[in-house]
């Protein structure tokens, strides 16, 4: 009966320089012994009444070619080719899930990936825990970087991990724990939604959707949806093969109703709190350095509550890993719009919420990606820039290997009005791209915004408009989609923002 959590396998990467937690299940009262003989590490513990056990080793320096032996009185398990290095969890939704094989230059990366020192564990993507779930999970393994394996790895996580490994000189392990289409509410326990008034709508909407339905009815509804949607997606793919630029309205006319994400209920993987149990909890509390998080697209319908939702998520994950200071790197959403929605502002509000969390919670980082979006495509294929900026944030904030100037986007640190102008002071010199005019706007007491003319002087920008005599507020790139043209001296774009906040 002795078993370790599935995340322990051959080729695993253990976190260096932190207490290494090893955990699993066994027979109640059995004594479990774990050893890494190459490091002269030995520890034992007794299986608790609930069948679980846990022990830990003291912090270790990096290394490779190790073995881990685990045994009780009946069973012995040995793991080969164990490495000690850096471990990061890659969380979020589809843009974190986006595979390396589909990224720009993905084939080139795959052709040379075996030279990298990146290893990957993909948490089983499932919204329901049943017998087949556990059988499949036991077959899950840490993977080495081969073209076949790495093809399905997160492009952003792999490229960032590869850069980290080159800079740090150690093996970097990635735990992929992400699922397309997820709200942040999918990755939290229900107590965290019911315990905060602003987050009640997430849980209430789910309860209302399930009201009056039995488990069998919800299962049947979701099975019927899957059958319909699988056939619909085949028709949709045929449309885009015929014409990659076909308008969405035309696709719907030809293919019929798109019923994604399906009926909400106990079988829908996108239900609140579901993936917290079926995915995230399966790797708790595997010792790691921190979290990389790329998500927010599926919370753009509630941008006003996203700052609290993300803050609660960060606090919860840190608590589950027993480390209140665990680094959390936030990848900010880029510019994005479907046709006809360019002037909406919900993505700008979401980006503002991500910035707010970064400014208020310690040991977080913000990866500004304003210029990394694609018009009419929520899943941009160029991931290298995002991954590079993620690596820069991590190298600066966590490893202290580069200065802040190399990693941080310029931001407005002070604002005031003088003689009919709105003055912005940035954290570093800023300037527009050649032959472009950044989308600045200012408003007077009536709250009506008008385009503003910017004048640049090192770290200062002076905004004026003939239609605003006394400006009281401003905003920059406050759209779902517009030109990204304002950059810091370090080449990183300025994120959309408004003042006063």
Protein backbone atom coordinates (compact mmCIF):
# COMPACT_ATOMS: atom_id res chain seq x y z
CA UNK A 1 0.00 0.00 0.00
CA UNK A 2 3.01 2.30 0.33
CA UNK A 3 2.75 5.11 -2.22
CA UNK A 4 4.26 8.52 -2.70
CA UNK A 5 2.33 11.35 -4.30
CA UNK A 6 2.45 10.92 -8.08
CA UNK A 7 4.72 13.97 -8.44
CA UNK A 8 7.58 11.85 -7.05
CA UNK A 9 9.04 9.81 -9.91
CA UNK A 10 12.23 9.08 -11.83
CA UNK A 11 13.86 12.27 -13.18
CA UNK A 12 12.13 14.45 -10.56
CA UNK A 13 13.61 17.79 -9.59
CA UNK A 14 13.82 18.61 -5.89
CA UNK A 15 14.11 22.19 -4.71
CA UNK A 16 17.57 23.25 -3.61
CA UNK A 17 18.30 25.33 -0.48
CA UNK A 18 14.88 24.67 1.11
CA UNK A 19 13.57 21.91 3.36
CA UNK A 20 12.58 19.06 1.01
CA UNK A 21 9.14 17.67 1.88
CA UNK A 22 8.40 14.03 0.91
CA UNK A 23 4.86 12.72 1.36
CA UNK A 24 2.46 9.94 0.45
CA UNK A 25 0.09 7.30 1.86
CA UNK A 26 0.57 3.94 3.56
CA UNK A 27 -0.77 1.49 6.12
CA UNK A 28 -1.74 3.13 9.39
CA UNK A 29 1.03 2.73 11.93
CA UNK A 30 3.65 1.61 9.41
CA UNK A 31 7.12 3.12 9.62
CA UNK A 32 8.24 4.74 6.37
CA UNK A 33 11.92 5.41 5.69
CA UNK A 34 13.21 7.69 2.92
CA UNK A 35 16.86 8.06 1.96
CA UNK A 36 19.05 9.82 -0.59
CA UNK A 37 22.30 7.91 -0.01
CA UNK A 38 24.49 10.11 -2.23
CA UNK A 39 23.80 12.97 0.20
CA UNK A 40 23.77 10.76 3.30
CA UNK A 41 20.18 11.75 3.97
CA UNK A 42 17.96 9.42 5.98
CA UNK A 43 14.61 10.11 7.66
CA UNK A 44 11.64 8.09 8.87
CA UNK A 45 8.10 8.70 10.08
CA UNK A 46 4.95 6.82 11.05
CA UNK A 47 1.82 6.69 8.90
CA UNK A 48 -0.94 8.67 10.60
CA UNK A 49 -4.52 7.57 11.33
CA UNK A 50 -5.78 9.06 8.06
CA UNK A 51 -3.28 6.97 6.10
CA UNK A 52 -0.98 9.87 5.19
CA UNK A 53 2.68 10.42 6.02
CA UNK A 54 5.12 13.25 5.57
CA UNK A 55 8.77 13.91 6.37
CA UNK A 56 11.45 16.32 5.29
CA UNK A 57 15.16 16.63 4.59
CA UNK A 58 17.27 19.69 5.36
CA UNK A 59 18.18 22.14 2.56
CA UNK A 60 20.59 20.80 -0.06
CA UNK A 61 22.81 22.31 -2.75
CA UNK A 62 22.09 21.60 -6.41
CA UNK A 63 23.14 18.31 -7.97
CA UNK A 64 22.19 15.53 -10.36
CA UNK A 65 22.46 11.74 -10.63
CA UNK A 66 20.85 11.06 -7.25
CA UNK A 67 18.56 8.25 -6.12
CA UNK A 68 15.72 8.24 -3.61
CA UNK A 69 14.78 5.05 -1.73
CA UNK A 70 11.42 4.76 0.06
CA UNK A 71 10.38 1.71 2.04
CA UNK A 72 8.24 0.28 4.79
CA UNK A 73 8.23 -3.27 6.13
CA UNK A 74 6.62 -4.67 2.98
CA UNK A 75 7.49 -2.44 0.04
CA UNK A 76 10.49 -0.58 -1.32
CA UNK A 77 10.44 1.99 -4.12
CA UNK A 78 13.51 3.50 -5.79
CA UNK A 79 13.59 6.63 -7.95
CA UNK A 80 16.47 7.11 -10.36
CA UNK A 81 18.13 10.16 -11.93
CA UNK A 82 16.88 12.59 -9.28
CA UNK A 83 18.09 16.19 -9.59
CA UNK A 84 18.21 19.02 -7.09
CA UNK A 85 17.76 22.47 -8.61
CA UNK A 86 15.02 25.05 -9.00
CA UNK A 87 11.30 24.17 -9.19
CA UNK A 88 8.48 26.47 -10.34
CA UNK A 89 4.76 25.82 -10.67
CA UNK A 90 3.29 27.15 -13.94
CA UNK A 91 -0.34 27.98 -13.16
CA UNK A 92 -3.17 29.63 -15.01
CA UNK A 93 -5.24 29.02 -18.11
CA UNK A 94 -4.84 28.58 -21.86
CA UNK A 95 -1.96 30.99 -22.52
CA UNK A 96 0.11 29.21 -19.88
CA UNK A 97 -1.08 25.85 -21.22
CA UNK A 98 -0.24 26.87 -24.83
CA UNK A 99 2.18 24.16 -26.03
CA UNK A 100 5.69 24.73 -27.31
CA UNK A 101 4.94 22.87 -30.57
CA UNK A 102 2.42 25.58 -31.56
CA UNK A 103 4.55 28.59 -30.65
CA UNK A 104 6.53 30.74 -33.07
CA UNK A 105 9.88 28.98 -33.60
CA UNK A 106 8.54 26.05 -31.59
CA UNK A 107 9.94 23.46 -33.99
CA UNK A 108 13.39 25.04 -33.73
CA UNK A 109 13.22 24.97 -29.95
CA UNK A 110 12.16 21.34 -29.98
CA UNK A 111 15.04 20.40 -32.28
CA UNK A 112 17.54 21.57 -29.66
CA UNK A 113 15.62 21.06 -26.41
CA UNK A 114 17.67 18.01 -25.38
CA UNK A 115 20.57 20.37 -24.66
CA UNK A 116 18.51 22.22 -22.07
CA UNK A 117 18.44 21.37 -18.39
CA UNK A 118 14.69 21.68 -18.04
CA UNK A 119 12.47 18.88 -16.74
CA UNK A 120 8.69 18.93 -16.65
CA UNK A 121 5.85 17.40 -14.66
CA UNK A 122 2.39 17.98 -16.12
CA UNK A 123 -0.35 17.64 -13.53
CA UNK A 124 -3.14 15.50 -14.96
CA UNK A 125 -5.82 17.77 -16.45
CA UNK A 126 -9.12 16.51 -15.13
CA UNK A 127 -12.15 18.07 -13.52
CA UNK A 128 -13.45 14.88 -11.95
CA UNK A 129 -11.78 12.35 -9.65
CA UNK A 130 -12.85 8.78 -10.40
CA UNK A 131 -11.19 5.36 -10.61
CA UNK A 132 -9.68 6.03 -14.04
CA UNK A 133 -8.30 9.35 -12.73
CA UNK A 134 -6.19 7.64 -10.08
CA UNK A 135 -5.03 4.92 -12.46
CA UNK A 136 -3.85 7.49 -14.97
CA UNK A 137 -2.24 9.64 -12.31
CA UNK A 138 -0.06 6.76 -11.14
CA UNK A 139 1.40 6.57 -14.65
CA UNK A 140 2.30 10.26 -14.68
CA UNK A 141 6.03 11.00 -14.61
CA UNK A 142 8.56 13.80 -14.66
CA UNK A 143 9.69 14.13 -18.26
CA UNK A 144 13.10 14.77 -19.74
CA UNK A 145 13.47 17.34 -22.56
CA UNK A 146 13.02 15.33 -25.76
CA UNK A 147 11.28 16.70 -28.88
CA UNK A 148 8.32 14.38 -28.28
CA UNK A 149 7.92 15.24 -24.60
CA UNK A 150 8.58 18.97 -24.81
CA UNK A 151 6.14 19.44 -27.69
CA UNK A 152 3.27 19.47 -25.18
CA UNK A 153 5.01 21.55 -22.49
CA UNK A 154 3.95 25.11 -21.77
CA UNK A 155 5.86 27.35 -24.20
CA UNK A 156 6.06 30.25 -21.74
CA UNK A 157 7.15 28.06 -18.83
CA UNK A 158 9.69 26.07 -20.84
CA UNK A 159 11.35 29.12 -22.41
CA UNK A 160 11.52 30.94 -19.06
CA UNK A 161 12.88 27.84 -17.32
CA UNK A 162 15.47 27.37 -20.04
CA UNK A 163 16.70 30.94 -19.56
CA UNK A 164 16.78 30.50 -15.78
CA UNK A 165 18.78 27.30 -16.11
CA UNK A 166 21.33 29.01 -18.32
CA UNK A 167 21.72 31.89 -15.86
CA UNK A 168 21.72 29.81 -12.67
CA UNK A 169 23.70 26.83 -13.93
CA UNK A 170 21.29 24.29 -12.41
CA UNK A 171 18.47 21.99 -13.51
CA UNK A 172 15.10 23.78 -13.51
CA UNK A 173 11.93 21.76 -13.01
CA UNK A 174 8.48 22.98 -14.02
CA UNK A 175 5.24 21.66 -12.57
CA UNK A 176 2.56 22.47 -15.14
CA UNK A 177 -0.75 22.99 -13.32
CA UNK A 178 -3.01 24.88 -15.73
CA UNK A 179 -6.27 24.41 -17.58
CA UNK A 180 -7.73 26.23 -20.55
CA UNK A 181 -10.67 28.55 -19.90
CA UNK A 182 -10.36 28.69 -16.14
CA UNK A 183 -11.33 31.49 -13.81
CA UNK A 184 -9.08 32.05 -10.81
CA UNK A 185 -12.06 30.81 -8.78
CA UNK A 186 -11.42 27.29 -10.15
CA UNK A 187 -8.15 27.19 -8.21
CA UNK A 188 -9.51 27.99 -4.74
CA UNK A 189 -11.46 26.07 -2.07
CA UNK A 190 -15.07 27.09 -1.56
CA UNK A 191 -14.33 28.64 1.85
CA UNK A 192 -12.25 31.32 0.13
CA UNK A 193 -15.17 32.32 -2.11
CA UNK A 194 -17.84 32.24 0.58
CA UNK A 195 -15.55 33.99 3.06
CA UNK A 196 -15.24 37.21 1.03
CA UNK A 197 -18.31 39.24 0.11
CA UNK A 198 -16.90 40.44 -3.22
CA UNK A 199 -16.34 36.82 -4.29
CA UNK A 200 -19.81 35.53 -3.41
CA UNK A 201 -21.10 35.89 -7.00
CA UNK A 202 -18.73 33.16 -8.20
CA UNK A 203 -20.10 30.61 -5.74
CA UNK A 204 -23.71 31.80 -5.87
CA UNK A 205 -23.85 31.51 -9.66
CA UNK A 206 -22.61 27.93 -9.40
CA UNK A 207 -25.17 26.98 -6.74
CA UNK A 208 -27.97 28.52 -8.79
CA UNK A 209 -26.88 26.55 -11.87
CA UNK A 210 -26.93 23.30 -9.90
CA UNK A 211 -30.15 23.91 -7.98
CA UNK A 212 -32.72 21.15 -8.43
CA UNK A 213 -30.40 18.83 -10.38
CA UNK A 214 -29.21 15.43 -9.21
CA UNK A 215 -25.66 14.17 -9.76
CA UNK A 216 -26.94 11.81 -12.45
CA UNK A 217 -28.72 14.63 -14.27
CA UNK A 218 -25.64 16.86 -14.20
CA UNK A 219 -23.51 14.00 -15.49
CA UNK A 220 -25.96 13.33 -18.33
CA UNK A 221 -26.17 17.01 -19.24
CA UNK A 222 -22.41 17.33 -19.46
CA UNK A 223 -22.02 14.13 -21.48
CA UNK A 224 -24.58 15.42 -23.99
CA UNK A 225 -22.72 18.72 -24.19
CA UNK A 226 -19.39 16.99 -24.88
CA UNK A 227 -20.90 14.98 -27.72
CA UNK A 228 -22.36 18.12 -29.31
CA UNK A 229 -19.29 20.29 -28.75
CA UNK A 230 -16.81 17.74 -30.10
CA UNK A 231 -18.78 17.59 -33.35
CA UNK A 232 -19.08 21.39 -33.41
CA UNK A 233 -15.33 21.87 -33.00
CA UNK A 234 -14.68 19.57 -35.94
CA UNK A 235 -16.91 21.79 -38.07
CA UNK A 236 -15.20 24.91 -36.73
CA UNK A 237 -11.72 23.56 -37.49
CA UNK A 238 -12.84 22.75 -41.04
CA UNK A 239 -13.95 26.38 -41.45
CA UNK A 240 -10.59 27.74 -40.36
CA UNK A 241 -8.73 25.27 -42.57
CA UNK A 242 -10.75 26.63 -45.47
CA UNK A 243 -10.16 30.25 -44.45
CA UNK A 244 -7.88 31.06 -41.46
CA UNK A 245 -9.24 34.64 -41.39
CA UNK A 246 -12.91 33.70 -41.40
CA UNK A 247 -14.99 36.00 -39.19
CA UNK A 248 -16.39 34.53 -36.01
CA UNK A 249 -19.94 35.48 -37.03
CA UNK A 250 -19.49 33.49 -40.24
CA UNK A 251 -18.21 30.48 -38.31
CA UNK A 252 -21.32 30.55 -36.13
CA UNK A 253 -23.59 30.83 -39.15
CA UNK A 254 -22.00 27.75 -40.70
CA UNK A 255 -21.38 25.64 -37.60
CA UNK A 256 -24.30 26.48 -35.34
CA UNK A 257 -24.30 27.53 -31.70
CA UNK A 258 -21.05 27.32 -29.76
CA UNK A 259 -22.14 25.89 -26.39
CA UNK A 260 -18.76 26.25 -24.66
CA UNK A 261 -18.17 26.05 -21.70
CA UNK A 262 -21.17 23.77 -21.32
CA UNK A 263 -23.72 23.34 -18.55
CA UNK A 264 -22.37 24.29 -15.14
CA UNK A 265 -22.43 21.46 -12.65
CA UNK A 266 -20.36 18.92 -10.77
CA UNK A 267 -18.88 17.47 -14.02
CA UNK A 268 -17.83 20.74 -15.60
CA UNK A 269 -14.07 21.23 -15.02
CA UNK A 270 -14.54 25.01 -15.12
CA UNK A 271 -16.78 25.05 -12.05
CA UNK A 272 -15.59 27.11 -9.09
CA UNK A 273 -13.19 25.27 -6.76
CA UNK A 274 -13.09 22.11 -8.89
CA UNK A 275 -9.51 22.15 -10.16
CA UNK A 276 -8.20 23.17 -6.75
CA UNK A 277 -9.17 19.67 -5.65
CA UNK A 278 -8.52 17.63 -8.79
CA UNK A 279 -5.23 19.24 -9.83
CA UNK A 280 -3.56 21.71 -7.47
CA UNK A 281 -4.03 19.67 -4.30
CA UNK A 282 -2.36 16.68 -5.98
CA UNK A 283 1.03 18.41 -5.83
CA UNK A 284 0.66 20.10 -2.42
CA UNK A 285 3.05 20.75 -0.72
CA UNK A 286 5.83 19.62 -3.07
CA UNK A 287 8.80 21.85 -2.29
CA UNK A 288 9.21 24.60 -4.87
CA UNK A 289 10.74 28.04 -5.23
CA UNK A 290 7.54 29.76 -6.28
CA UNK A 291 4.68 30.29 -8.73
CA UNK A 292 4.43 31.58 -12.30
CA UNK A 293 0.82 32.59 -13.00
CA UNK A 294 -0.69 33.54 -16.38
CA UNK A 295 -4.46 33.96 -16.08
CA UNK A 296 -7.24 36.53 -16.09
CA UNK A 297 -8.85 36.20 -19.51
CA UNK A 298 -11.81 34.26 -18.07
CA UNK A 299 -12.38 36.77 -15.29
CA UNK A 300 -12.73 39.75 -17.60
CA UNK A 301 -16.49 39.74 -16.91
CA UNK A 302 -15.80 40.71 -13.27
CA UNK A 303 -12.74 42.99 -13.37
CA UNK A 304 -13.87 44.99 -10.31
CA UNK A 305 -13.44 41.98 -8.01
CA UNK A 306 -10.36 40.47 -9.67
CA UNK A 307 -7.81 42.19 -7.41
CA UNK A 308 -9.38 40.57 -4.39
CA UNK A 309 -9.80 37.24 -6.14
CA UNK A 310 -6.13 37.13 -7.15
CA UNK A 311 -4.99 38.31 -3.70
CA UNK A 312 -7.01 35.56 -2.04
CA UNK A 313 -5.54 33.00 -4.45
CA UNK A 314 -1.97 34.06 -3.70
CA UNK A 315 -2.60 33.98 0.05
CA UNK A 316 -4.24 30.54 -0.19
CA UNK A 317 -1.49 28.97 -2.28
CA UNK A 318 1.19 30.31 0.03
CA UNK A 319 -0.68 28.92 3.01
CA UNK A 320 -1.03 25.52 1.34
CA UNK A 321 2.72 25.48 0.77
CA UNK A 322 3.42 26.66 4.33
CA UNK A 323 5.38 29.70 3.15
CA UNK A 324 3.86 33.17 3.45
CA UNK A 325 6.74 34.70 1.49
CA UNK A 326 6.69 32.33 -1.49
CA UNK A 327 7.41 34.28 -4.71
CA UNK A 328 4.45 34.76 -7.06
CA UNK A 329 5.14 36.13 -10.55
CA UNK A 330 2.05 37.59 -12.27
CA UNK A 331 1.99 37.68 -16.06
CA UNK A 332 -0.17 40.67 -16.94
CA UNK A 333 -2.69 40.42 -19.75
CA UNK A 334 -1.67 42.00 -23.09
CA UNK A 335 -3.73 44.10 -25.44
CA UNK A 336 -6.55 42.02 -26.93
CA UNK A 337 -9.89 42.52 -28.62
CA UNK A 338 -12.27 40.70 -30.86
CA UNK A 339 -13.52 42.70 -33.83
CA UNK A 340 -15.87 45.46 -32.72
CA UNK A 341 -14.79 45.40 -29.06
CA UNK A 342 -11.67 47.56 -29.35
CA UNK A 343 -13.03 50.41 -27.21
CA UNK A 344 -14.21 48.25 -24.35
CA UNK A 345 -12.14 48.69 -21.18
CA UNK A 346 -12.62 45.47 -19.22
CA UNK A 347 -9.15 44.17 -20.12
CA UNK A 348 -7.61 47.49 -19.10
CA UNK A 349 -9.44 47.21 -15.78
CA UNK A 350 -8.16 43.64 -15.40
CA UNK A 351 -4.59 44.79 -16.05
CA UNK A 352 -5.08 47.50 -13.44
CA UNK A 353 -6.22 44.88 -10.93
CA UNK A 354 -3.12 42.79 -11.62
CA UNK A 355 -0.96 45.87 -11.07
CA UNK A 356 -2.78 46.62 -7.82
CA UNK A 357 -2.06 43.15 -6.47
CA UNK A 358 1.59 43.49 -7.44
CA UNK A 359 1.82 46.85 -5.66
CA UNK A 360 0.15 45.64 -2.46
CA UNK A 361 1.33 42.05 -1.90
CA UNK A 362 4.98 41.48 -1.08
CA UNK A 363 7.17 39.01 -2.95
CA UNK A 364 5.20 39.35 -6.16
CA UNK A 365 6.41 40.33 -9.60
CA UNK A 366 4.59 41.79 -12.60
CA UNK A 367 5.45 40.82 -16.18
CA UNK A 368 4.14 43.57 -18.47
CA UNK A 369 3.08 42.15 -21.85
CA UNK A 370 1.12 45.05 -23.39
CA UNK A 371 2.77 44.57 -26.80
CA UNK A 372 2.46 40.78 -26.87
CA UNK A 373 -1.21 40.45 -27.83
CA UNK A 374 -2.74 39.60 -31.20
CA UNK A 375 -5.84 41.26 -32.58
CA UNK A 376 -8.82 38.90 -32.69
CA UNK A 377 -6.72 36.06 -31.25
CA UNK A 378 -6.77 35.40 -27.51
CA UNK A 379 -3.89 32.94 -27.86
CA UNK A 380 -0.90 34.77 -29.38
CA UNK A 381 1.69 32.35 -30.72
CA UNK A 382 4.77 34.50 -30.02
CA UNK A 383 5.64 33.45 -26.47
CA UNK A 384 9.37 34.17 -26.38
CA UNK A 385 9.04 37.82 -25.33
CA UNK A 386 6.65 36.93 -22.52
CA UNK A 387 8.93 34.13 -21.32
CA UNK A 388 11.99 36.39 -21.44
CA UNK A 389 10.32 39.08 -19.37
CA UNK A 390 9.12 36.41 -16.92
CA UNK A 391 12.69 35.19 -16.58
CA UNK A 392 13.91 38.76 -16.05
CA UNK A 393 11.36 39.37 -13.29
CA UNK A 394 12.34 36.11 -11.63
CA UNK A 395 16.08 36.76 -11.90
CA UNK A 396 15.63 40.22 -10.39
CA UNK A 397 13.00 39.66 -7.70
CA UNK A 398 13.85 36.14 -6.55
CA UNK A 399 17.51 35.52 -7.34
CA UNK A 400 18.77 39.14 -7.15
CA UNK A 401 21.06 38.55 -10.13
CA UNK A 402 20.13 41.54 -12.26
CA UNK A 403 19.25 45.17 -11.44
CA UNK A 404 15.65 46.37 -11.36
CA UNK A 405 16.22 48.48 -14.49
CA UNK A 406 16.70 45.33 -16.58
CA UNK A 407 13.44 43.75 -15.45
CA UNK A 408 10.91 46.39 -14.43
CA UNK A 409 8.46 48.23 -16.66
CA UNK A 410 8.41 51.99 -16.19
CA UNK A 411 5.45 53.14 -14.11
CA UNK A 412 3.92 56.45 -13.09
CA UNK A 413 5.08 57.22 -9.56
CA UNK A 414 3.72 60.74 -9.26
CA UNK A 415 1.08 62.91 -10.96
CA UNK A 416 -0.10 66.49 -10.53
CA UNK A 417 -1.60 69.42 -12.44
CA UNK A 418 0.22 72.67 -13.27
CA UNK A 419 -1.13 75.57 -15.34
CA UNK A 420 -3.74 73.55 -17.21
CA UNK A 421 -1.43 70.57 -17.83
CA UNK A 422 -1.39 67.11 -16.28
CA UNK A 423 2.17 66.14 -15.33
CA UNK A 424 3.28 62.51 -15.00
CA UNK A 425 6.55 61.45 -13.42
CA UNK A 426 7.75 57.95 -14.33
CA UNK A 427 10.16 55.62 -12.59
CA UNK A 428 12.58 55.86 -15.54
CA UNK A 429 12.80 57.84 -18.80
CA UNK A 430 9.99 57.00 -21.23
CA UNK A 431 9.49 57.77 -24.91
CA UNK A 432 7.15 56.79 -27.74
CA UNK A 433 8.11 54.52 -30.57
CA UNK A 434 9.21 56.36 -33.66
CA UNK A 435 6.37 57.95 -35.64
CA UNK A 436 3.73 57.07 -33.03
CA UNK A 437 1.65 59.05 -30.55
CA UNK A 438 0.73 57.23 -27.31
CA UNK A 439 -3.00 57.10 -26.54
CA UNK A 440 -3.18 59.55 -23.63
CA UNK A 441 -6.46 61.13 -22.53
CA UNK A 442 -7.31 63.72 -19.89
CA UNK A 443 -10.60 64.83 -18.32
CA UNK A 444 -11.86 67.77 -16.33
CA UNK A 445 -14.34 67.82 -13.47
CA UNK A 446 -17.12 66.64 -15.81
CA UNK A 447 -15.35 63.28 -16.28
CA UNK A 448 -15.36 63.48 -20.09
CA UNK A 449 -12.09 62.27 -21.60
CA UNK A 450 -10.45 63.88 -24.60
CA UNK A 451 -7.24 62.97 -26.50
CA UNK A 452 -4.23 64.63 -24.92
CA UNK A 453 -1.04 65.85 -26.56
CA UNK A 454 2.03 64.51 -24.76
CA UNK A 455 5.35 66.30 -24.38
CA UNK A 456 8.26 64.13 -23.24
CA UNK A 457 11.17 65.17 -21.09
CA UNK A 458 13.24 62.33 -19.62
CA UNK A 459 11.06 60.80 -16.88
CA UNK A 460 8.30 63.41 -17.22
CA UNK A 461 5.32 63.63 -19.56
CA UNK A 462 3.21 66.77 -19.86
CA UNK A 463 -0.38 66.25 -21.10
CA UNK A 464 -2.61 69.01 -22.49
CA UNK A 465 -5.81 69.33 -24.47
CA UNK A 466 -7.59 72.44 -25.78
CA UNK A 467 -10.85 70.87 -24.63
CA UNK A 468 -9.77 70.46 -20.99
CA UNK A 469 -8.91 73.72 -19.23
CA UNK A 470 -8.29 72.23 -15.78
CA UNK A 471 -7.50 68.49 -15.95
CA UNK A 472 -8.29 66.37 -12.92
CA UNK A 473 -7.69 62.86 -14.26
CA UNK A 474 -5.89 61.01 -17.06
CA UNK A 475 -5.57 57.57 -18.58
CA UNK A 476 -3.17 55.84 -20.92
CA UNK A 477 -4.06 53.07 -23.41
CA UNK A 478 -7.30 52.57 -21.54
CA UNK A 479 -8.74 50.22 -24.15
CA UNK A 480 -8.97 46.53 -24.79
CA UNK A 481 -7.01 47.23 -27.97
CA UNK A 482 -4.98 50.20 -29.22
CA UNK A 483 -1.42 50.90 -30.34
CA UNK A 484 1.24 50.14 -27.74
CA UNK A 485 3.77 52.87 -28.26
CA UNK A 486 5.08 54.06 -24.88
CA UNK A 487 8.24 52.32 -23.66
CA UNK A 488 10.71 52.74 -20.86
CA UNK A 489 14.35 53.32 -21.63
CA UNK A 490 14.95 49.60 -21.00
CA UNK A 491 12.67 48.61 -23.91
CA UNK A 492 9.77 47.28 -21.81
CA UNK A 493 6.36 48.85 -22.53
CA UNK A 494 4.43 50.92 -20.02
CA UNK A 495 1.24 49.17 -18.89
CA UNK A 496 -2.13 50.83 -19.33
CA UNK A 497 -3.02 52.95 -16.29
CA UNK A 498 -5.16 55.79 -15.07
CA UNK A 499 -4.63 58.53 -12.50
CA UNK A 500 -5.94 59.03 -9.94
CA UNK A 501 -6.48 55.32 -9.41
